[in-house]
Amino acid sequence: MTADIVNLRNARKRRTRDQREIKAAENRAKFGQSKAEKMQVKAVSELDRRRLDQAKREPTGSDER
């Protein structure tokens, strides 16, 4: 019977790495957006900005004081 020799420092580092990867996967699922979703949000905000600019009223000569 031979026991597996484990370097505790390496085991600790491996455990920490695994925990970070699990946390990163959770964050990606929670906060991540696909490229298509980002493009959709950008397109909608650009459309809103253009509509707002089109509705903007320019001051006329009689409105100035």
N, C-alpha and C. Protein backbone atom coordinates (compact mmCIF):
# COMPACT_ATOMS: atom_id res chain seq x y z
N MET A 1 0.83 -1.18 0.00
CA MET A 1 0.00 0.00 0.00
C MET A 1 0.88 1.25 0.00
N THR A 2 0.70 2.03 -1.04
CA THR A 2 1.42 3.29 -1.08
C THR A 2 0.42 4.44 -1.07
N ALA A 3 0.74 5.44 -0.32
CA ALA A 3 -0.13 6.60 -0.22
C ALA A 3 0.28 7.62 -1.28
N ASP A 4 -0.70 8.34 -1.76
CA ASP A 4 -0.41 9.41 -2.71
C ASP A 4 0.15 10.59 -1.93
N ILE A 5 1.29 11.07 -2.37
CA ILE A 5 1.91 12.21 -1.73
C ILE A 5 1.33 13.48 -2.36
N VAL A 6 0.83 14.35 -1.49
CA VAL A 6 0.17 15.57 -1.95
C VAL A 6 0.92 16.77 -1.41
N ASN A 7 1.28 17.67 -2.29
CA ASN A 7 1.89 18.91 -1.87
C ASN A 7 0.75 19.84 -1.45
N LEU A 8 0.69 20.20 -0.18
CA LEU A 8 -0.42 20.98 0.34
C LEU A 8 -0.51 22.36 -0.30
N ARG A 9 0.61 22.95 -0.60
CA ARG A 9 0.61 24.28 -1.22
C ARG A 9 -0.06 24.21 -2.59
N ASN A 10 0.31 23.19 -3.37
CA ASN A 10 -0.30 23.04 -4.69
C ASN A 10 -1.78 22.68 -4.59
N ALA A 11 -2.14 21.87 -3.62
CA ALA A 11 -3.54 21.50 -3.43
C ALA A 11 -4.36 22.73 -3.06
N ARG A 12 -3.82 23.59 -2.23
CA ARG A 12 -4.51 24.82 -1.83
C ARG A 12 -4.69 25.76 -3.04
N LYS A 13 -3.64 25.89 -3.84
CA LYS A 13 -3.72 26.74 -5.03
C LYS A 13 -4.76 26.19 -6.02
N ARG A 14 -4.77 24.87 -6.21
CA ARG A 14 -5.72 24.24 -7.12
C ARG A 14 -7.15 24.47 -6.64
N ARG A 15 -7.39 24.32 -5.35
CA ARG A 15 -8.71 24.53 -4.77
C ARG A 15 -9.15 25.98 -4.98
N THR A 16 -8.23 26.93 -4.75
CA THR A 16 -8.55 28.35 -4.93
C THR A 16 -8.88 28.64 -6.39
N ARG A 17 -8.09 28.08 -7.31
CA ARG A 17 -8.34 28.26 -8.74
C ARG A 17 -9.72 27.72 -9.12
N ASP A 18 -10.04 26.54 -8.62
CA ASP A 18 -11.34 25.94 -8.93
C ASP A 18 -12.48 26.79 -8.40
N GLN A 19 -12.33 27.34 -7.19
CA GLN A 19 -13.37 28.19 -6.61
C GLN A 19 -13.54 29.47 -7.42
N ARG A 20 -12.42 30.05 -7.87
CA ARG A 20 -12.50 31.26 -8.70
C ARG A 20 -13.22 30.97 -10.01
N GLU A 21 -12.94 29.83 -10.62
CA GLU A 21 -13.57 29.48 -11.88
C GLU A 21 -15.07 29.28 -11.69
N ILE A 22 -15.48 28.67 -10.59
CA ILE A 22 -16.90 28.49 -10.31
C ILE A 22 -17.58 29.84 -10.15
N LYS A 23 -16.95 30.73 -9.40
CA LYS A 23 -17.49 32.08 -9.18
C LYS A 23 -17.57 32.84 -10.50
N ALA A 24 -16.56 32.73 -11.34
CA ALA A 24 -16.55 33.40 -12.64
C ALA A 24 -17.69 32.89 -13.52
N ALA A 25 -17.92 31.60 -13.51
CA ALA A 25 -19.01 31.03 -14.30
C ALA A 25 -20.36 31.54 -13.80
N GLU A 26 -20.52 31.65 -12.50
CA GLU A 26 -21.76 32.19 -11.93
C GLU A 26 -21.95 33.64 -12.36
N ASN A 27 -20.88 34.43 -12.32
CA ASN A 27 -20.98 35.84 -12.71
C ASN A 27 -21.28 35.98 -14.20
N ARG A 28 -20.68 35.13 -15.02
CA ARG A 28 -20.98 35.19 -16.46
C ARG A 28 -22.45 34.91 -16.71
N ALA A 29 -22.99 33.93 -16.02
CA ALA A 29 -24.40 33.60 -16.19
C ALA A 29 -25.30 34.69 -15.65
N LYS A 30 -24.89 35.31 -14.57
CA LYS A 30 -25.72 36.32 -13.92
C LYS A 30 -25.68 37.66 -14.63
N PHE A 31 -24.50 38.12 -15.04
CA PHE A 31 -24.34 39.47 -15.58
C PHE A 31 -24.05 39.51 -17.07
N GLY A 32 -23.69 38.41 -17.65
CA GLY A 32 -23.25 38.42 -19.04
C GLY A 32 -24.36 38.68 -20.03
N GLN A 33 -24.02 39.31 -21.11
CA GLN A 33 -24.92 39.52 -22.23
C GLN A 33 -24.23 39.01 -23.48
N SER A 34 -25.04 38.45 -24.35
CA SER A 34 -24.46 38.01 -25.61
C SER A 34 -24.20 39.23 -26.48
N LYS A 35 -23.41 39.03 -27.51
CA LYS A 35 -23.08 40.13 -28.41
C LYS A 35 -24.35 40.66 -29.07
N ALA A 36 -25.26 39.78 -29.42
CA ALA A 36 -26.51 40.19 -30.06
C ALA A 36 -27.34 41.06 -29.12
N GLU A 37 -27.37 40.71 -27.84
CA GLU A 37 -28.11 41.51 -26.87
C GLU A 37 -27.49 42.89 -26.71
N LYS A 38 -26.17 42.96 -26.66
CA LYS A 38 -25.50 44.26 -26.55
C LYS A 38 -25.79 45.12 -27.77
N MET A 39 -25.75 44.52 -28.96
CA MET A 39 -26.02 45.27 -30.19
C MET A 39 -27.46 45.75 -30.21
N GLN A 40 -28.40 44.94 -29.72
CA GLN A 40 -29.81 45.33 -29.68
C GLN A 40 -30.00 46.53 -28.76
N VAL A 41 -29.39 46.51 -27.59
CA VAL A 41 -29.49 47.63 -26.64
C VAL A 41 -28.89 48.89 -27.25
N LYS A 42 -27.76 48.75 -27.91
CA LYS A 42 -27.11 49.90 -28.54
C LYS A 42 -27.98 50.48 -29.66
N ALA A 43 -28.59 49.62 -30.47
CA ALA A 43 -29.43 50.08 -31.57
C ALA A 43 -30.67 50.82 -31.04
N VAL A 44 -31.27 50.29 -29.99
CA VAL A 44 -32.46 50.93 -29.42
C VAL A 44 -32.10 52.29 -28.82
N SER A 45 -30.98 52.38 -28.12
CA SER A 45 -30.59 53.66 -27.53
C SER A 45 -30.24 54.68 -28.61
N GLU A 46 -29.62 54.24 -29.70
CA GLU A 46 -29.30 55.14 -30.81
C GLU A 46 -30.59 55.64 -31.46
N LEU A 47 -31.56 54.76 -31.64
CA LEU A 47 -32.85 55.15 -32.21
C LEU A 47 -33.55 56.17 -31.32
N ASP A 48 -33.54 55.93 -30.02
CA ASP A 48 -34.14 56.88 -29.07
C ASP A 48 -33.44 58.23 -29.14
N ARG A 49 -32.12 58.24 -29.23
CA ARG A 49 -31.37 59.48 -29.29
C ARG A 49 -31.72 60.27 -30.55
N ARG A 50 -31.82 59.56 -31.69
CA ARG A 50 -32.17 60.23 -32.94
C ARG A 50 -33.58 60.81 -32.90
N ARG A 51 -34.52 60.06 -32.32
CA ARG A 51 -35.89 60.56 -32.20
C ARG A 51 -35.94 61.81 -31.33
N LEU A 52 -35.19 61.81 -30.25
CA LEU A 52 -35.15 62.96 -29.37
C LEU A 52 -34.54 64.17 -30.08
N ASP A 53 -33.47 63.96 -30.84
CA ASP A 53 -32.85 65.05 -31.59
C ASP A 53 -33.80 65.61 -32.66
N GLN A 54 -34.60 64.75 -33.27
CA GLN A 54 -35.54 65.20 -34.29
C GLN A 54 -36.66 66.05 -33.69
N ALA A 55 -37.02 65.80 -32.46
CA ALA A 55 -38.09 66.53 -31.81
C ALA A 55 -37.60 67.83 -31.17
N LYS A 56 -36.32 68.07 -31.23
CA LYS A 56 -35.73 69.25 -30.61
C LYS A 56 -36.17 70.50 -31.36
N ARG A 57 -36.53 71.52 -30.60
CA ARG A 57 -36.97 72.78 -31.20
C ARG A 57 -35.83 73.77 -31.19
N GLU A 58 -35.62 74.38 -32.32
CA GLU A 58 -34.59 75.41 -32.44
C GLU A 58 -35.19 76.75 -32.04
N PRO A 59 -34.43 77.58 -31.33
CA PRO A 59 -34.96 78.90 -30.97
C PRO A 59 -35.07 79.79 -32.22
N THR A 60 -36.16 80.54 -32.28
CA THR A 60 -36.34 81.49 -33.39
C THR A 60 -35.90 82.86 -32.92
N GLY A 61 -35.88 83.83 -33.82
CA GLY A 61 -35.42 85.16 -33.48
C GLY A 61 -36.30 85.84 -32.43
N SER A 62 -37.61 85.55 -32.40
CA SER A 62 -38.49 86.19 -31.44
C SER A 62 -38.39 85.55 -30.05
N ASP A 63 -37.87 84.32 -29.97
CA ASP A 63 -37.75 83.65 -28.67
C ASP A 63 -36.53 84.11 -27.88
N GLU A 64 -35.57 84.69 -28.56
CA GLU A 64 -34.35 85.11 -27.88
C GLU A 64 -34.58 86.39 -27.09
N ARG A 65 -33.93 86.52 -25.95
CA ARG A 65 -34.08 87.72 -25.13
C ARG A 65 -32.77 88.34 -24.88
